[in-house]
Amino acid sequence: MLHDFFFFESKRIEYELCVYDVVYYDLYEH
């Protein structure tokens, strides 16, 4: 169960970082 929690957290963090990358890219492209 604890393992699932860490797995979920890592996926969430990965997703958030991806979103930040896209936002940064947008900001600096325009």
PDB file of N, CA and C in Angstrom:
ATOM      1  N   MET A   1       0.835  -1.209   0.000  1.00  0.00           N
ATOM      2  CA  MET A   1       0.000   0.000   0.000  1.00  0.00           C
ATOM      3  C   MET A   1       0.872   1.263   0.000  1.00  0.00           C
ATOM      4  N   LEU A   2       1.869   1.257   0.828  1.00  0.00           N
ATOM      5  CA  LEU A   2       2.780   2.407   0.869  1.00  0.00           C
ATOM      6  C   LEU A   2       3.483   2.568  -0.478  1.00  0.00           C
ATOM      7  N   HIS A   3       3.821   1.441  -1.073  1.00  0.00           N
ATOM      8  CA  HIS A   3       4.473   1.477  -2.378  1.00  0.00           C
ATOM      9  C   HIS A   3       3.575   2.132  -3.421  1.00  0.00           C
ATOM     10  N   ASP A   4       2.301   1.804  -3.396  1.00  0.00           N
ATOM     11  CA  ASP A   4       1.338   2.409  -4.327  1.00  0.00           C
ATOM     12  C   ASP A   4       1.269   3.919  -4.132  1.00  0.00           C
ATOM     13  N   PHE A   5       1.306   4.327  -2.886  1.00  0.00           N
ATOM     14  CA  PHE A   5       1.257   5.754  -2.596  1.00  0.00           C
ATOM     15  C   PHE A   5       2.452   6.472  -3.204  1.00  0.00           C
ATOM     16  N   PHE A   6       3.639   5.907  -3.029  1.00  0.00           N
ATOM     17  CA  PHE A   6       4.835   6.551  -3.584  1.00  0.00           C
ATOM     18  C   PHE A   6       4.792   6.550  -5.104  1.00  0.00           C
ATOM     19  N   PHE A   7       4.296   5.472  -5.661  1.00  0.00           N
ATOM     20  CA  PHE A   7       4.192   5.394  -7.119  1.00  0.00           C
ATOM     21  C   PHE A   7       3.254   6.489  -7.636  1.00  0.00           C
ATOM     22  N   PHE A   8       2.114   6.623  -6.974  1.00  0.00           N
ATOM     23  CA  PHE A   8       1.142   7.638  -7.352  1.00  0.00           C
ATOM     24  C   PHE A   8       1.741   9.037  -7.230  1.00  0.00           C
ATOM     25  N   GLU A   9       2.431   9.301  -6.127  1.00  0.00           N
ATOM     26  CA  GLU A   9       3.053  10.610  -5.909  1.00  0.00           C
ATOM     27  C   GLU A   9       4.073  10.915  -6.995  1.00  0.00           C
ATOM     28  N   SER A  10       4.893   9.943  -7.358  1.00  0.00           N
ATOM     29  CA  SER A  10       5.908  10.179  -8.382  1.00  0.00           C
ATOM     30  C   SER A  10       5.263  10.478  -9.731  1.00  0.00           C
ATOM     31  N   LYS A  11       4.171   9.812 -10.028  1.00  0.00           N
ATOM     32  CA  LYS A  11       3.467  10.073 -11.285  1.00  0.00           C
ATOM     33  C   LYS A  11       2.864  11.480 -11.270  1.00  0.00           C
ATOM     34  N   ARG A  12       2.314  11.875 -10.142  1.00  0.00           N
ATOM     35  CA  ARG A  12       1.707  13.202 -10.015  1.00  0.00           C
ATOM     36  C   ARG A  12       2.772  14.285 -10.186  1.00  0.00           C
ATOM     37  N   ILE A  13       3.893  14.098  -9.548  1.00  0.00           N
ATOM     38  CA  ILE A  13       4.985  15.068  -9.642  1.00  0.00           C
ATOM     39  C   ILE A  13       5.490  15.139 -11.084  1.00  0.00           C
ATOM     40  N   GLU A  14       5.618  13.983 -11.709  1.00  0.00           N
ATOM     41  CA  GLU A  14       6.067  13.920 -13.098  1.00  0.00           C
ATOM     42  C   GLU A  14       5.120  14.721 -13.992  1.00  0.00           C
ATOM     43  N   TYR A  15       3.826  14.534 -13.775  1.00  0.00           N
ATOM     44  CA  TYR A  15       2.805  15.238 -14.550  1.00  0.00           C
ATOM     45  C   TYR A  15       2.902  16.748 -14.330  1.00  0.00           C
ATOM     46  N   GLU A  16       3.052  17.158 -13.081  1.00  0.00           N
ATOM     47  CA  GLU A  16       3.144  18.591 -12.778  1.00  0.00           C
ATOM     48  C   GLU A  16       4.376  19.207 -13.430  1.00  0.00           C
ATOM     49  N   LEU A  17       5.488  18.499 -13.388  1.00  0.00           N
ATOM     50  CA  LEU A  17       6.708  19.006 -14.018  1.00  0.00           C
ATOM     51  C   LEU A  17       6.505  19.150 -15.521  1.00  0.00           C
ATOM     52  N   CYS A  18       5.810  18.204 -16.101  1.00  0.00           N
ATOM     53  CA  CYS A  18       5.523  18.260 -17.530  1.00  0.00           C
ATOM     54  C   CYS A  18       4.687  19.503 -17.849  1.00  0.00           C
ATOM     55  N   VAL A  19       3.683  19.764 -17.033  1.00  0.00           N
ATOM     56  CA  VAL A  19       2.824  20.939 -17.226  1.00  0.00           C
ATOM     57  C   VAL A  19       3.657  22.221 -17.093  1.00  0.00           C
ATOM     58  N   TYR A  20       4.527  22.271 -16.105  1.00  0.00           N
ATOM     59  CA  TYR A  20       5.370  23.452 -15.940  1.00  0.00           C
ATOM     60  C   TYR A  20       6.275  23.650 -17.152  1.00  0.00           C
ATOM     61  N   ASP A  21       6.809  22.575 -17.688  1.00  0.00           N
ATOM     62  CA  ASP A  21       7.649  22.651 -18.882  1.00  0.00           C
ATOM     63  C   ASP A  21       6.889  23.287 -20.043  1.00  0.00           C
ATOM     64  N   VAL A  22       5.672  22.844 -20.243  1.00  0.00           N
ATOM     65  CA  VAL A  22       4.846  23.368 -21.335  1.00  0.00           C
ATOM     66  C   VAL A  22       4.561  24.855 -21.123  1.00  0.00           C
ATOM     67  N   VAL A  23       4.232  25.237 -19.908  1.00  0.00           N
ATOM     68  CA  VAL A  23       3.952  26.638 -19.594  1.00  0.00           C
ATOM     69  C   VAL A  23       5.201  27.492 -19.821  1.00  0.00           C
ATOM     70  N   TYR A  24       6.343  27.014 -19.359  1.00  0.00           N
ATOM     71  CA  TYR A  24       7.599  27.739 -19.557  1.00  0.00           C
ATOM     72  C   TYR A  24       7.892  27.907 -21.033  1.00  0.00           C
ATOM     73  N   TYR A  25       7.721  26.827 -21.763  1.00  0.00           N
ATOM     74  CA  TYR A  25       7.975  26.846 -23.195  1.00  0.00           C
ATOM     75  C   TYR A  25       7.102  27.898 -23.876  1.00  0.00           C
ATOM     76  N   ASP A  26       5.821  27.901 -23.526  1.00  0.00           N
ATOM     77  CA  ASP A  26       4.879  28.886 -24.072  1.00  0.00           C
ATOM     78  C   ASP A  26       5.326  30.308 -23.755  1.00  0.00           C
ATOM     79  N   LEU A  27       5.686  30.547 -22.518  1.00  0.00           N
ATOM     80  CA  LEU A  27       6.079  31.895 -22.104  1.00  0.00           C
ATOM     81  C   LEU A  27       7.294  32.395 -22.876  1.00  0.00           C
ATOM     82  N   TYR A  28       8.275  31.521 -23.030  1.00  0.00           N
ATOM     83  CA  TYR A  28       9.501  31.964 -23.678  1.00  0.00           C
ATOM     84  C   TYR A  28       9.457  31.933 -25.202  1.00  0.00           C
ATOM     85  N   GLU A  29       8.468  31.273 -25.743  1.00  0.00           N
ATOM     86  CA  GLU A  29       8.345  31.253 -27.197  1.00  0.00           C
ATOM     87  C   GLU A  29       7.688  32.522 -27.730  1.00  0.00           C
ATOM     88  N   HIS A  30       6.833  33.130 -26.934  1.00  0.00           N
ATOM     89  CA  HIS A  30       6.073  34.300 -27.410  1.00  0.00           C
ATOM     90  C   HIS A  30       6.650  35.622 -26.938  1.00  0.00           C
TER      91      HIS A  30
END
